[in-house]
PDB file of all heavy atoms in Angstrom:
ATOM      1  N   ALA A   1     -46.238  -5.573 -44.593  1.00  0.00           N
ATOM      2  CA  ALA A   1     -46.004  -4.135 -44.442  1.00  0.00           C
ATOM      3  C   ALA A   1     -45.298  -3.820 -43.126  1.00  0.00           C
ATOM      4  O   ALA A   1     -44.525  -2.852 -43.047  1.00  0.00           O
ATOM      5  CB  ALA A   1     -47.330  -3.379 -44.536  1.00  0.00           C
ATOM      6  N   ASP A   2     -45.558  -4.612 -42.085  1.00  0.00           N
ATOM      7  CA  ASP A   2     -44.911  -4.383 -40.782  1.00  0.00           C
ATOM      8  C   ASP A   2     -43.549  -5.054 -40.693  1.00  0.00           C
ATOM      9  O   ASP A   2     -42.973  -5.153 -39.609  1.00  0.00           O
ATOM     10  CB  ASP A   2     -45.812  -4.869 -39.653  1.00  0.00           C
ATOM     11  CG  ASP A   2     -46.073  -6.374 -39.723  1.00  0.00           C
ATOM     12  OD1 ASP A   2     -45.542  -7.033 -40.659  1.00  0.00           O
ATOM     13  OD2 ASP A   2     -46.799  -6.899 -38.861  1.00  0.00           O
ATOM     14  N   LYS A   3     -43.012  -5.553 -41.831  1.00  0.00           N
ATOM     15  CA  LYS A   3     -41.711  -6.217 -41.948  1.00  0.00           C
ATOM     16  C   LYS A   3     -41.714  -7.645 -41.401  1.00  0.00           C
ATOM     17  O   LYS A   3     -40.678  -8.317 -41.400  1.00  0.00           O
ATOM     18  CB  LYS A   3     -40.599  -5.409 -41.252  1.00  0.00           C
ATOM     19  CG  LYS A   3     -40.467  -3.978 -41.764  1.00  0.00           C
ATOM     20  CD  LYS A   3     -40.231  -3.933 -43.259  1.00  0.00           C
ATOM     21  CE  LYS A   3     -40.102  -2.490 -43.751  1.00  0.00           C
ATOM     22  NZ  LYS A   3     -39.893  -2.400 -45.215  1.00  0.00           N
ATOM     23  N   GLY A   4     -42.857  -8.107 -40.923  1.00  0.00           N
ATOM     24  CA  GLY A   4     -42.959  -9.502 -40.529  1.00  0.00           C
ATOM     25  C   GLY A   4     -42.914 -10.388 -41.772  1.00  0.00           C
ATOM     26  O   GLY A   4     -43.278  -9.958 -42.874  1.00  0.00           O
ATOM     27  N   THR A   5     -42.469 -11.636 -41.611  1.00  0.00           N
ATOM     28  CA  THR A   5     -42.306 -12.522 -42.775  1.00  0.00           C
ATOM     29  C   THR A   5     -43.042 -13.843 -42.581  1.00  0.00           C
ATOM     30  O   THR A   5     -43.317 -14.266 -41.455  1.00  0.00           O
ATOM     31  CB  THR A   5     -40.820 -12.821 -43.029  1.00  0.00           C
ATOM     32  OG1 THR A   5     -40.247 -13.458 -41.876  1.00  0.00           O
ATOM     33  CG2 THR A   5     -40.054 -11.547 -43.342  1.00  0.00           C
ATOM     34  N   TYR A   6     -43.357 -14.452 -43.693  1.00  0.00           N
ATOM     35  CA  TYR A   6     -43.941 -15.789 -43.730  1.00  0.00           C
ATOM     36  C   TYR A   6     -43.151 -16.609 -44.742  1.00  0.00           C
ATOM     37  O   TYR A   6     -43.119 -16.286 -45.934  1.00  0.00           O
ATOM     38  CB  TYR A   6     -45.414 -15.726 -44.124  1.00  0.00           C
ATOM     39  CG  TYR A   6     -46.044 -17.066 -44.398  1.00  0.00           C
ATOM     40  CD1 TYR A   6     -45.918 -18.115 -43.478  1.00  0.00           C
ATOM     41  CD2 TYR A   6     -46.774 -17.299 -45.560  1.00  0.00           C
ATOM     42  CE1 TYR A   6     -46.499 -19.356 -43.727  1.00  0.00           C
ATOM     43  CE2 TYR A   6     -47.364 -18.532 -45.807  1.00  0.00           C
ATOM     44  CZ  TYR A   6     -47.225 -19.562 -44.890  1.00  0.00           C
ATOM     45  OH  TYR A   6     -47.790 -20.783 -45.128  1.00  0.00           O
ATOM     46  N   LEU A   7     -42.510 -17.661 -44.278  1.00  0.00           N
ATOM     47  CA  LEU A   7     -41.736 -18.571 -45.120  1.00  0.00           C
ATOM     48  C   LEU A   7     -42.452 -19.911 -45.138  1.00  0.00           C
ATOM     49  O   LEU A   7     -42.794 -20.436 -44.069  1.00  0.00           O
ATOM     50  CB  LEU A   7     -40.319 -18.721 -44.570  1.00  0.00           C
ATOM     51  CG  LEU A   7     -39.411 -19.771 -45.224  1.00  0.00           C
ATOM     52  CD1 LEU A   7     -39.109 -19.406 -46.682  1.00  0.00           C
ATOM     53  CD2 LEU A   7     -38.101 -19.899 -44.435  1.00  0.00           C
ATOM     54  N   ARG A   8     -42.669 -20.468 -46.319  1.00  0.00           N
ATOM     55  CA  ARG A   8     -43.342 -21.763 -46.409  1.00  0.00           C
ATOM     56  C   ARG A   8     -42.762 -22.588 -47.536  1.00  0.00           C
ATOM     57  O   ARG A   8     -42.305 -22.069 -48.565  1.00  0.00           O
ATOM     58  CB  ARG A   8     -44.847 -21.588 -46.593  1.00  0.00           C
ATOM     59  CG  ARG A   8     -45.280 -20.990 -47.927  1.00  0.00           C
ATOM     60  CD  ARG A   8     -45.695 -22.025 -48.943  1.00  0.00           C
ATOM     61  NE  ARG A   8     -46.954 -22.641 -48.622  1.00  0.00           N
ATOM     62  CZ  ARG A   8     -47.422 -23.743 -49.195  1.00  0.00           C
ATOM     63  NH1 ARG A   8     -46.705 -24.325 -50.164  1.00  0.00           N
ATOM     64  NH2 ARG A   8     -48.579 -24.256 -48.855  1.00  0.00           N
ATOM     65  N   CYS A   9     -42.778 -23.917 -47.343  1.00  0.00           N
ATOM     66  CA  CYS A   9     -42.373 -24.859 -48.380  1.00  0.00           C
ATOM     67  C   CYS A   9     -43.312 -26.052 -48.349  1.00  0.00           C
ATOM     68  O   CYS A   9     -43.660 -26.557 -47.271  1.00  0.00           O
ATOM     69  CB  CYS A   9     -40.939 -25.349 -48.152  1.00  0.00           C
ATOM     70  SG  CYS A   9     -39.681 -24.122 -48.487  1.00  0.00           S
ATOM     71  N   GLY A  10     -43.715 -26.516 -49.539  1.00  0.00           N
ATOM     72  CA  GLY A  10     -44.568 -27.685 -49.604  1.00  0.00           C
ATOM     73  C   GLY A  10     -45.663 -27.540 -50.631  1.00  0.00           C
ATOM     74  O   GLY A  10     -45.697 -26.570 -51.401  1.00  0.00           O
ATOM     75  N   PRO A  11     -46.586 -28.499 -50.677  1.00  0.00           N
ATOM     76  CA  PRO A  11     -47.630 -28.518 -51.710  1.00  0.00           C
ATOM     77  C   PRO A  11     -48.557 -27.316 -51.614  1.00  0.00           C
ATOM     78  O   PRO A  11     -48.866 -26.840 -50.521  1.00  0.00           O
ATOM     79  CB  PRO A  11     -48.368 -29.831 -51.435  1.00  0.00           C
ATOM     80  CG  PRO A  11     -48.095 -30.130 -49.995  1.00  0.00           C
ATOM     81  CD  PRO A  11     -46.705 -29.639 -49.732  1.00  0.00           C
ATOM     82  N   ALA A  12     -49.017 -26.845 -52.774  1.00  0.00           N
ATOM     83  CA  ALA A  12     -49.914 -25.691 -52.807  1.00  0.00           C
ATOM     84  C   ALA A  12     -51.359 -26.079 -52.571  1.00  0.00           C
ATOM     85  O   ALA A  12     -52.211 -25.210 -52.382  1.00  0.00           O
ATOM     86  CB  ALA A  12     -49.786 -24.975 -54.147  1.00  0.00           C
ATOM     87  N   ASP A  13     -51.651 -27.403 -52.568  1.00  0.00           N
ATOM     88  CA  ASP A  13     -53.026 -27.857 -52.363  1.00  0.00           C
ATOM     89  C   ASP A  13     -53.236 -28.416 -50.961  1.00  0.00           C
ATOM     90  O   ASP A  13     -54.271 -29.030 -50.686  1.00  0.00           O
ATOM     91  CB  ASP A  13     -53.394 -28.912 -53.405  1.00  0.00           C
ATOM     92  CG  ASP A  13     -52.480 -30.128 -53.358  1.00  0.00           C
ATOM     93  OD1 ASP A  13     -51.368 -30.019 -52.793  1.00  0.00           O
ATOM     94  OD2 ASP A  13     -52.868 -31.195 -53.870  1.00  0.00           O
ATOM     95  N   ALA A  14     -52.274 -28.211 -50.073  1.00  0.00           N
ATOM     96  CA  ALA A  14     -52.379 -28.711 -48.708  1.00  0.00           C
ATOM     97  C   ALA A  14     -51.498 -27.851 -47.803  1.00  0.00           C
ATOM     98  O   ALA A  14     -50.760 -26.983 -48.288  1.00  0.00           O
ATOM     99  CB  ALA A  14     -51.945 -30.178 -48.638  1.00  0.00           C
ATOM    100  N   ALA A  15     -51.566 -28.101 -46.504  1.00  0.00           N
ATOM    101  CA  ALA A  15     -50.731 -27.364 -45.562  1.00  0.00           C
ATOM    102  C   ALA A  15     -49.264 -27.597 -45.897  1.00  0.00           C
ATOM    103  O   ALA A  15     -48.877 -28.676 -46.347  1.00  0.00           O
ATOM    104  CB  ALA A  15     -51.025 -27.821 -44.140  1.00  0.00           C
ATOM    105  N   PRO A  16     -48.414 -26.593 -45.706  1.00  0.00           N
ATOM    106  CA  PRO A  16     -47.010 -26.739 -46.065  1.00  0.00           C
ATOM    107  C   PRO A  16     -46.298 -27.793 -45.220  1.00  0.00           C
ATOM    108  O   PRO A  16     -46.702 -28.085 -44.094  1.00  0.00           O
ATOM    109  CB  PRO A  16     -46.434 -25.343 -45.814  1.00  0.00           C
ATOM    110  CG  PRO A  16     -47.367 -24.708 -44.834  1.00  0.00           C
ATOM    111  CD  PRO A  16     -48.712 -25.257 -45.155  1.00  0.00           C
ATOM    112  N   LEU A  17     -45.239 -28.361 -45.771  1.00  0.00           N
ATOM    113  CA  LEU A  17     -44.411 -29.278 -45.003  1.00  0.00           C
ATOM    114  C   LEU A  17     -43.668 -28.530 -43.906  1.00  0.00           C
ATOM    115  O   LEU A  17     -43.475 -29.040 -42.807  1.00  0.00           O
ATOM    116  CB  LEU A  17     -43.401 -29.974 -45.920  1.00  0.00           C
ATOM    117  CG  LEU A  17     -43.964 -30.922 -46.982  1.00  0.00           C
ATOM    118  CD1 LEU A  17     -42.845 -31.378 -47.916  1.00  0.00           C
ATOM    119  CD2 LEU A  17     -44.624 -32.125 -46.326  1.00  0.00           C
ATOM    120  N   LEU A  18     -43.232 -27.329 -44.209  1.00  0.00           N
ATOM    121  CA  LEU A  18     -42.519 -26.477 -43.267  1.00  0.00           C
ATOM    122  C   LEU A  18     -43.015 -25.050 -43.430  1.00  0.00           C
ATOM    123  O   LEU A  18     -43.254 -24.599 -44.555  1.00  0.00           O
ATOM    124  CB  LEU A  18     -41.011 -26.511 -43.542  1.00  0.00           C
ATOM    125  CG  LEU A  18     -40.262 -27.803 -43.223  1.00  0.00           C
ATOM    126  CD1 LEU A  18     -38.936 -27.821 -43.963  1.00  0.00           C
ATOM    127  CD2 LEU A  18     -40.030 -27.924 -41.732  1.00  0.00           C
ATOM    128  N   SER A  19     -43.155 -24.338 -42.324  1.00  0.00           N
ATOM    129  CA  SER A  19     -43.549 -22.934 -42.424  1.00  0.00           C
ATOM    130  C   SER A  19     -43.154 -22.199 -41.163  1.00  0.00           C
ATOM    131  O   SER A  19     -42.935 -22.797 -40.106  1.00  0.00           O
ATOM    132  CB  SER A  19     -45.064 -22.793 -42.653  1.00  0.00           C
ATOM    133  OG  SER A  19     -45.780 -23.187 -41.501  1.00  0.00           O
ATOM    134  N   GLU A  20     -43.056 -20.896 -41.299  1.00  0.00           N
ATOM    135  CA  GLU A  20     -42.792 -20.041 -40.140  1.00  0.00           C
ATOM    136  C   GLU A  20     -43.387 -18.671 -40.380  1.00  0.00           C
ATOM    137  O   GLU A  20     -43.223 -18.091 -41.458  1.00  0.00           O
ATOM    138  CB  GLU A  20     -41.286 -19.910 -39.891  1.00  0.00           C
ATOM    139  CG  GLU A  20     -40.990 -19.002 -38.717  1.00  0.00           C
ATOM    140  CD  GLU A  20     -39.639 -19.279 -38.083  1.00  0.00           C
ATOM    141  OE1 GLU A  20     -38.976 -20.247 -38.467  1.00  0.00           O
ATOM    142  OE2 GLU A  20     -39.276 -18.508 -37.195  1.00  0.00           O
ATOM    143  N   GLY A  21     -44.127 -18.192 -39.385  1.00  0.00           N
ATOM    144  CA  GLY A  21     -44.691 -16.857 -39.446  1.00  0.00           C
ATOM    145  C   GLY A  21     -46.030 -16.770 -40.135  1.00  0.00           C
ATOM    146  O   GLY A  21     -46.548 -15.679 -40.328  1.00  0.00           O
ATOM    147  N   GLY A  22     -46.621 -17.903 -40.508  1.00  0.00           N
ATOM    148  CA  GLY A  22     -47.871 -17.898 -41.245  1.00  0.00           C
ATOM    149  C   GLY A  22     -49.048 -18.350 -40.418  1.00  0.00           C
ATOM    150  O   GLY A  22     -48.959 -18.515 -39.201  1.00  0.00           O
ATOM    151  N   PRO A  23     -50.177 -18.610 -41.090  1.00  0.00           N
ATOM    152  CA  PRO A  23     -51.416 -18.978 -40.392  1.00  0.00           C
ATOM    153  C   PRO A  23     -51.326 -20.300 -39.644  1.00  0.00           C
ATOM    154  O   PRO A  23     -52.072 -20.517 -38.685  1.00  0.00           O
ATOM    155  CB  PRO A  23     -52.446 -19.043 -41.525  1.00  0.00           C
ATOM    156  CG  PRO A  23     -51.638 -19.284 -42.764  1.00  0.00           C
ATOM    157  CD  PRO A  23     -50.366 -18.536 -42.547  1.00  0.00           C
ATOM    158  N   ASP A  24     -50.443 -21.212 -40.055  1.00  0.00           N
ATOM    159  CA  ASP A  24     -50.342 -22.514 -39.385  1.00  0.00           C
ATOM    160  C   ASP A  24     -49.202 -22.589 -38.377  1.00  0.00           C
ATOM    161  O   ASP A  24     -48.946 -23.633 -37.797  1.00  0.00           O
ATOM    162  CB  ASP A  24     -50.145 -23.623 -40.435  1.00  0.00           C
ATOM    163  CG  ASP A  24     -51.325 -23.733 -41.379  1.00  0.00           C
ATOM    164  OD1 ASP A  24     -52.458 -23.664 -40.882  1.00  0.00           O
ATOM    165  OD2 ASP A  24     -51.112 -23.879 -42.594  1.00  0.00           O
ATOM    166  N   SER A  25     -48.503 -21.481 -38.169  1.00  0.00           N
ATOM    167  CA  SER A  25     -47.344 -21.500 -37.284  1.00  0.00           C
ATOM    168  C   SER A  25     -47.766 -21.689 -35.834  1.00  0.00           C
ATOM    169  O   SER A  25     -48.796 -21.201 -35.382  1.00  0.00           O
ATOM    170  CB  SER A  25     -46.547 -20.206 -37.425  1.00  0.00           C
ATOM    171  OG  SER A  25     -45.999 -20.092 -38.718  1.00  0.00           O
ATOM    172  N   LYS A  26     -46.914 -22.422 -35.104  1.00  0.00           N
ATOM    173  CA  LYS A  26     -47.140 -22.669 -33.688  1.00  0.00           C
ATOM    174  C   LYS A  26     -45.872 -22.317 -32.921  1.00  0.00           C
ATOM    175  O   LYS A  26     -44.777 -22.344 -33.484  1.00  0.00           O
ATOM    176  CB  LYS A  26     -47.505 -24.141 -33.456  1.00  0.00           C
ATOM    177  CG  LYS A  26     -48.775 -24.575 -34.168  1.00  0.00           C
ATOM    178  CD  LYS A  26     -49.025 -26.057 -33.962  1.00  0.00           C
ATOM    179  CE  LYS A  26     -50.275 -26.503 -34.710  1.00  0.00           C
ATOM    180  NZ  LYS A  26     -50.511 -27.959 -34.557  1.00  0.00           N
ATOM    181  N   PRO A  27     -45.987 -21.991 -31.636  1.00  0.00           N
ATOM    182  CA  PRO A  27     -44.789 -21.672 -30.856  1.00  0.00           C
ATOM    183  C   PRO A  27     -43.815 -22.841 -30.872  1.00  0.00           C
ATOM    184  O   PRO A  27     -44.184 -23.986 -30.697  1.00  0.00           O
ATOM    185  CB  PRO A  27     -45.344 -21.426 -29.444  1.00  0.00           C
ATOM    186  CG  PRO A  27     -46.765 -21.026 -29.672  1.00  0.00           C
ATOM    187  CD  PRO A  27     -47.225 -21.832 -30.853  1.00  0.00           C
ATOM    188  N   ASP A  28     -42.551 -22.538 -31.118  1.00  0.00           N
ATOM    189  CA  ASP A  28     -41.527 -23.572 -31.208  1.00  0.00           C
ATOM    190  C   ASP A  28     -40.187 -22.900 -30.951  1.00  0.00           C
ATOM    191  O   ASP A  28     -40.056 -21.689 -31.093  1.00  0.00           O
ATOM    192  CB  ASP A  28     -41.555 -24.230 -32.595  1.00  0.00           C
ATOM    193  CG  ASP A  28     -40.789 -25.548 -32.607  1.00  0.00           C
ATOM    194  OD1 ASP A  28     -39.562 -25.490 -32.675  1.00  0.00           O
ATOM    195  OD2 ASP A  28     -41.433 -26.604 -32.546  1.00  0.00           O
ATOM    196  N   SER A  29     -39.198 -23.682 -30.580  1.00  0.00           N
ATOM    197  CA  SER A  29     -37.892 -23.109 -30.269  1.00  0.00           C
ATOM    198  C   SER A  29     -36.940 -23.154 -31.452  1.00  0.00           C
ATOM    199  O   SER A  29     -35.781 -22.777 -31.317  1.00  0.00           O
ATOM    200  CB  SER A  29     -37.264 -23.850 -29.078  1.00  0.00           C
ATOM    201  OG  SER A  29     -37.132 -25.226 -29.365  1.00  0.00           O
ATOM    202  N   ASP A  30     -37.398 -23.614 -32.600  1.00  0.00           N
ATOM    203  CA  ASP A  30     -36.563 -23.675 -33.798  1.00  0.00           C
ATOM    204  C   ASP A  30     -37.002 -22.606 -34.793  1.00  0.00           C
ATOM    205  O   ASP A  30     -38.190 -22.475 -35.085  1.00  0.00           O
ATOM    206  CB  ASP A  30     -36.657 -25.051 -34.466  1.00  0.00           C
ATOM    207  CG  ASP A  30     -36.023 -26.142 -33.631  1.00  0.00           C
ATOM    208  OD1 ASP A  30     -35.210 -25.805 -32.751  1.00  0.00           O
ATOM    209  OD2 ASP A  30     -36.347 -27.316 -33.851  1.00  0.00           O
ATOM    210  N   ASP A  31     -36.048 -21.855 -35.289  1.00  0.00           N
ATOM    211  CA  ASP A  31     -36.342 -20.824 -36.287  1.00  0.00           C
ATOM    212  C   ASP A  31     -35.969 -21.339 -37.669  1.00  0.00           C
ATOM    213  O   ASP A  31     -34.815 -21.701 -37.914  1.00  0.00           O
ATOM    214  CB  ASP A  31     -35.540 -19.554 -36.002  1.00  0.00           C
ATOM    215  CG  ASP A  31     -36.034 -18.824 -34.767  1.00  0.00           C
ATOM    216  OD1 ASP A  31     -37.211 -19.013 -34.414  1.00  0.00           O
ATOM    217  OD2 ASP A  31     -35.249 -18.079 -34.157  1.00  0.00           O
ATOM    218  N   LEU A  32     -36.935 -21.359 -38.562  1.00  0.00           N
ATOM    219  CA  LEU A  32     -36.704 -21.784 -39.932  1.00  0.00           C
ATOM    220  C   LEU A  32     -35.997 -20.666 -40.703  1.00  0.00           C
ATOM    221  O   LEU A  32     -36.474 -19.540 -40.740  1.00  0.00           O
ATOM    222  CB  LEU A  32     -38.042 -22.126 -40.586  1.00  0.00           C
ATOM    223  CG  LEU A  32     -38.006 -22.781 -41.972  1.00  0.00           C
ATOM    224  CD1 LEU A  32     -37.371 -24.152 -41.906  1.00  0.00           C
ATOM    225  CD2 LEU A  32     -39.423 -22.877 -42.526  1.00  0.00           C
ATOM    226  N   VAL A  33     -34.857 -20.994 -41.306  1.00  0.00           N
ATOM    227  CA  VAL A  33     -34.070 -19.999 -42.031  1.00  0.00           C
ATOM    228  C   VAL A  33     -34.352 -20.052 -43.527  1.00  0.00           C
ATOM    229  O   VAL A  33     -34.511 -19.024 -44.183  1.00  0.00           O
ATOM    230  CB  VAL A  33     -32.558 -20.209 -41.773  1.00  0.00           C
ATOM    231  CG1 VAL A  33     -31.726 -19.220 -42.591  1.00  0.00           C
ATOM    232  CG2 VAL A  33     -32.249 -20.062 -40.289  1.00  0.00           C
TER     233      VAL A  33
END
């Protein structure tokens, strides 16, 4: 609702292989497009 986004790719039964903006995100200098 606040226009923030969560992008994820990977298995649905485990943590994603790649993600950005979600519960597992960590500070990093690379932005996933």
